[in-house]
Structures are given as C-alpha cells and as structure tokens.
Protein backbone atom coordinates (compact mmCIF):
# COMPACT_ATOMS: atom_id res chain seq x y z
CA MET A 1 2.49 18.00 -4.03
CA LYS A 2 4.33 17.92 -0.73
CA LEU A 3 8.05 17.37 -0.35
CA TYR A 4 9.18 15.11 2.51
CA ALA A 5 12.58 14.72 4.04
CA GLY A 6 12.64 10.98 4.53
CA ASN A 7 13.85 9.47 7.77
CA ARG A 8 17.12 7.67 7.13
CA ILE A 9 16.87 8.26 3.35
CA LYS A 10 19.64 10.18 1.62
CA SER A 11 17.35 12.44 -0.38
CA SER A 12 13.90 13.87 0.03
CA PHE A 13 10.89 12.41 -1.71
CA LYS A 14 7.63 13.82 -2.93
CA ILE A 15 4.12 12.45 -2.86
CA ARG A 16 1.94 12.96 -5.91
CA LYS A 17 -1.15 11.52 -7.56
CA ALA A 18 -0.57 8.48 -9.73
CA LYS A 19 -0.38 8.75 -13.50
CA GLU A 20 -1.45 6.17 -16.07
CA THR A 21 2.20 5.52 -16.87
CA ASP A 22 2.94 4.52 -13.24
CA PHE A 23 1.10 1.20 -13.41
CA LYS A 24 3.96 -0.62 -15.11
CA GLU A 25 6.18 0.30 -12.18
CA PHE A 26 3.42 -0.65 -9.71
CA SER A 27 3.50 -4.17 -11.18
CA LYS A 28 7.23 -4.40 -10.50
CA ILE A 29 6.84 -3.16 -6.91
CA ASP A 30 3.89 -5.50 -6.42
CA LYS A 31 5.94 -8.47 -7.55
CA GLU A 32 8.92 -7.45 -5.41
CA VAL A 33 6.96 -6.78 -2.23
CA TRP A 34 3.48 -8.33 -2.15
CA HIS A 35 4.34 -11.68 -3.68
CA LYS A 36 7.32 -12.25 -1.40
CA ASN A 37 5.38 -11.21 1.72
CA TYR A 38 2.52 -13.63 1.18
CA VAL A 39 4.21 -16.83 0.00
CA GLY A 40 4.20 -18.93 3.17
CA ILE A 41 1.62 -16.77 4.97
CA LEU A 42 -1.35 -17.73 2.82
CA ASP A 43 -1.25 -21.51 2.52
CA PHE A 44 -3.18 -21.44 -0.77
CA TYR A 45 -0.88 -18.83 -2.33
CA ASP A 46 2.06 -20.05 -4.43
CA GLY A 47 3.36 -16.65 -5.55
CA THR A 48 2.22 -16.87 -9.16
CA GLU A 49 -0.81 -14.59 -9.11
CA ARG A 50 -1.64 -11.43 -7.19
CA LEU A 51 -4.94 -11.05 -5.33
CA PRO A 52 -6.22 -8.39 -6.00
CA SER A 53 -4.16 -7.49 -9.02
CA VAL A 54 -2.65 -4.24 -10.19
CA SER A 55 -5.02 -4.50 -13.17
CA TRP A 56 -7.96 -4.29 -10.75
CA ASP A 57 -6.40 -1.14 -9.25
CA LYS A 58 -5.82 0.33 -12.71
CA GLU A 59 -9.38 -0.37 -13.86
CA ASN A 60 -10.98 1.12 -10.74
CA TYR A 61 -8.58 4.08 -10.68
CA ALA A 62 -9.60 4.89 -14.26
CA LYS A 63 -13.27 4.77 -13.18
CA GLY A 64 -12.56 7.19 -10.31
CA LYS A 65 -13.32 4.59 -7.64
CA LEU A 66 -9.80 4.58 -6.18
CA SER A 67 -7.19 7.15 -5.26
CA ILE A 68 -3.54 6.26 -5.71
CA LEU A 69 -0.65 8.29 -4.36
CA VAL A 70 2.98 7.73 -5.25
CA ALA A 71 6.14 8.44 -3.26
CA GLU A 72 9.03 9.20 -5.56
CA THR A 73 12.51 10.66 -5.64
CA GLN A 74 14.42 11.67 -8.75
CA GLN A 75 11.73 10.15 -11.01
CA LYS A 76 11.96 6.77 -9.23
CA ILE A 77 8.81 5.40 -7.60
CA LEU A 78 9.62 4.26 -4.06
CA GLY A 79 6.11 3.11 -3.13
CA TYR A 80 2.41 3.75 -3.48
CA ILE A 81 -0.87 3.64 -1.58
CA VAL A 82 -4.30 2.69 -2.96
CA THR A 83 -7.36 4.05 -1.13
CA SER A 84 -11.04 4.69 -1.56
CA LYS A 85 -13.23 7.03 0.45
CA LYS A 86 -16.87 6.96 1.46
CA ASN A 87 -18.24 9.71 3.66
CA ASN A 88 -15.44 10.42 6.15
CA THR A 89 -13.90 6.96 6.06
CA VAL A 90 -10.79 6.11 4.04
CA TRP A 91 -10.23 2.45 3.18
CA ILE A 92 -6.61 1.47 2.54
CA HIS A 93 -6.59 -1.28 -0.08
CA ASP A 94 -2.84 -1.48 -0.58
CA ILE A 95 0.34 0.16 0.55
CA LEU A 96 3.59 -1.05 -0.96
CA VAL A 97 7.09 0.34 -0.53
CA ARG A 98 10.12 -1.16 -2.28
CA LYS A 99 12.13 -3.37 0.09
CA LYS A 100 15.19 -1.14 -0.24
CA TYR A 101 13.20 1.89 1.00
CA GLN A 102 11.20 0.31 3.82
CA ASN A 103 11.65 1.62 7.38
CA LYS A 104 12.56 5.08 6.09
CA GLY A 105 9.29 6.94 6.75
CA ILE A 106 7.84 6.52 3.25
CA GLY A 107 4.92 4.27 4.19
CA SER A 108 4.02 6.50 7.14
CA ALA A 109 4.12 9.59 4.93
CA LEU A 110 1.89 7.92 2.32
CA ILE A 111 -0.67 6.98 4.97
CA LYS A 112 -0.66 10.44 6.58
CA HIS A 113 -0.98 12.14 3.20
CA ALA A 114 -3.76 9.84 1.93
CA CYS A 115 -5.81 9.71 5.10
CA LYS A 116 -5.48 13.19 6.63
CA SER A 117 -7.98 13.49 9.52
CA ASN A 118 -10.46 10.88 8.30
CA LYS A 119 -11.38 7.61 9.96
CA VAL A 120 -9.23 4.91 8.35
CA LEU A 121 -9.92 1.19 7.88
CA LEU A 122 -7.76 -1.57 6.44
CA THR A 123 -7.30 -5.31 6.60
CA VAL A 124 -4.03 -7.12 7.10
CA ASN A 125 -3.42 -10.85 7.18
CA GLU A 126 -2.69 -12.01 10.72
CA GLY A 127 0.45 -13.75 9.44
CA ASN A 128 1.89 -10.50 8.10
CA LYS A 129 3.55 -9.59 11.39
CA LYS A 130 5.73 -6.87 9.86
CA ALA A 131 2.67 -5.00 8.55
CA ILE A 132 0.79 -5.41 11.84
CA ILE A 133 3.70 -3.89 13.78
CA PHE A 134 3.91 -1.04 11.25
CA PHE A 135 0.20 -0.20 11.49
CA LYS A 136 0.18 -0.43 15.29
CA LYS A 137 3.06 2.08 15.42
CA LEU A 138 0.81 4.46 13.45
CA GLY A 139 -2.00 4.04 16.01
CA PHE A 140 -4.15 1.42 14.27
CA LYS A 141 -5.96 -1.06 16.52
CA PRO A 142 -7.49 -4.44 15.64
CA LEU A 143 -11.29 -4.31 15.40
CA LEU A 144 -12.23 -7.88 14.55
CA ARG A 145 -10.85 -11.12 13.25
CA ASP A 146 -12.04 -12.30 9.84
CA VAL A 147 -12.04 -15.89 8.66
CA LEU A 148 -11.08 -16.49 5.04
CA MET A 149 -13.16 -19.30 3.59
CA SER A 150 -13.07 -21.10 0.25
CA LYS A 151 -14.79 -23.94 -1.55
CA ASN A 152 -13.43 -26.00 -4.45
C-alpha cells in the first residue's frame, strides 16, 4: 500500500486492493459519477441502468479476472479503478472518482499505480470530453474510432 499526498486535497490518501465489502460503496460512486456523465452523451441511455454494471465487476473480480484498486482517506473511498491484464498490456475497464474529489490527483495516481510500466489500453466515449482531456494529459493517444451499433 502506497500513501499519496493528493494535489489540492487536504489530507493524503492511500491506494489499496479492493475488498468484498467495497462493492456497496462502488455502486454509490457509480451512480454518482457514471450515470450522470453518460445521460445525454449516449442517446439510448436514460440513466436507469449501468452498462457494464458493478455486479459484472464484482463477479469477475471474484473469479480473478479483474484487478480493482481503491483510493481512500480516513476509511472513505474516494475512487476506484478496474483493470485486467494480459501479457504486458493493462486494459482499463473503469476509473471513477467521486465528483467532490476530481481534479485532485486521485485518478492519475490510480492509473499510475494500476498500470506501472505496462502498455495500457482503454475506451472512452467520444462525447465524454472531460475524460478525453484527462487521459490526454496522462499521455494517452487515440488509436481508432469505434462505431457502436445496435439492433432492436
């Protein structure tokens, strides 16, 4: 466990592996951050259901398919990152930081801690401008443009 002095945050925070008991808090953070970010960006999304859900993360974490790291201070979870790794490539599935703690170095610390010196891949919706700016500041570059398709 590493202790970080957060940028512009009054106290330091630590990054640790997730525990089974953290998932209830992940659901709250998910609802606070993910839902609000994607209503209006995804025209098919009305804010009532999360894609993919925290339950998917929990199930795959239990199976050892995902790694989840938590940033916390004084027993309060500030954010978390969900990754998987194959060979030397880390795939970031989710990174969520509570609104109140965004722009304080927590997301950057989670990414640096989770990804170390590996190649890193992630997807971000082109309408999520805030996330795109964040990832570009960390040195990520667009590789390709995906098209989301559906059929009724």
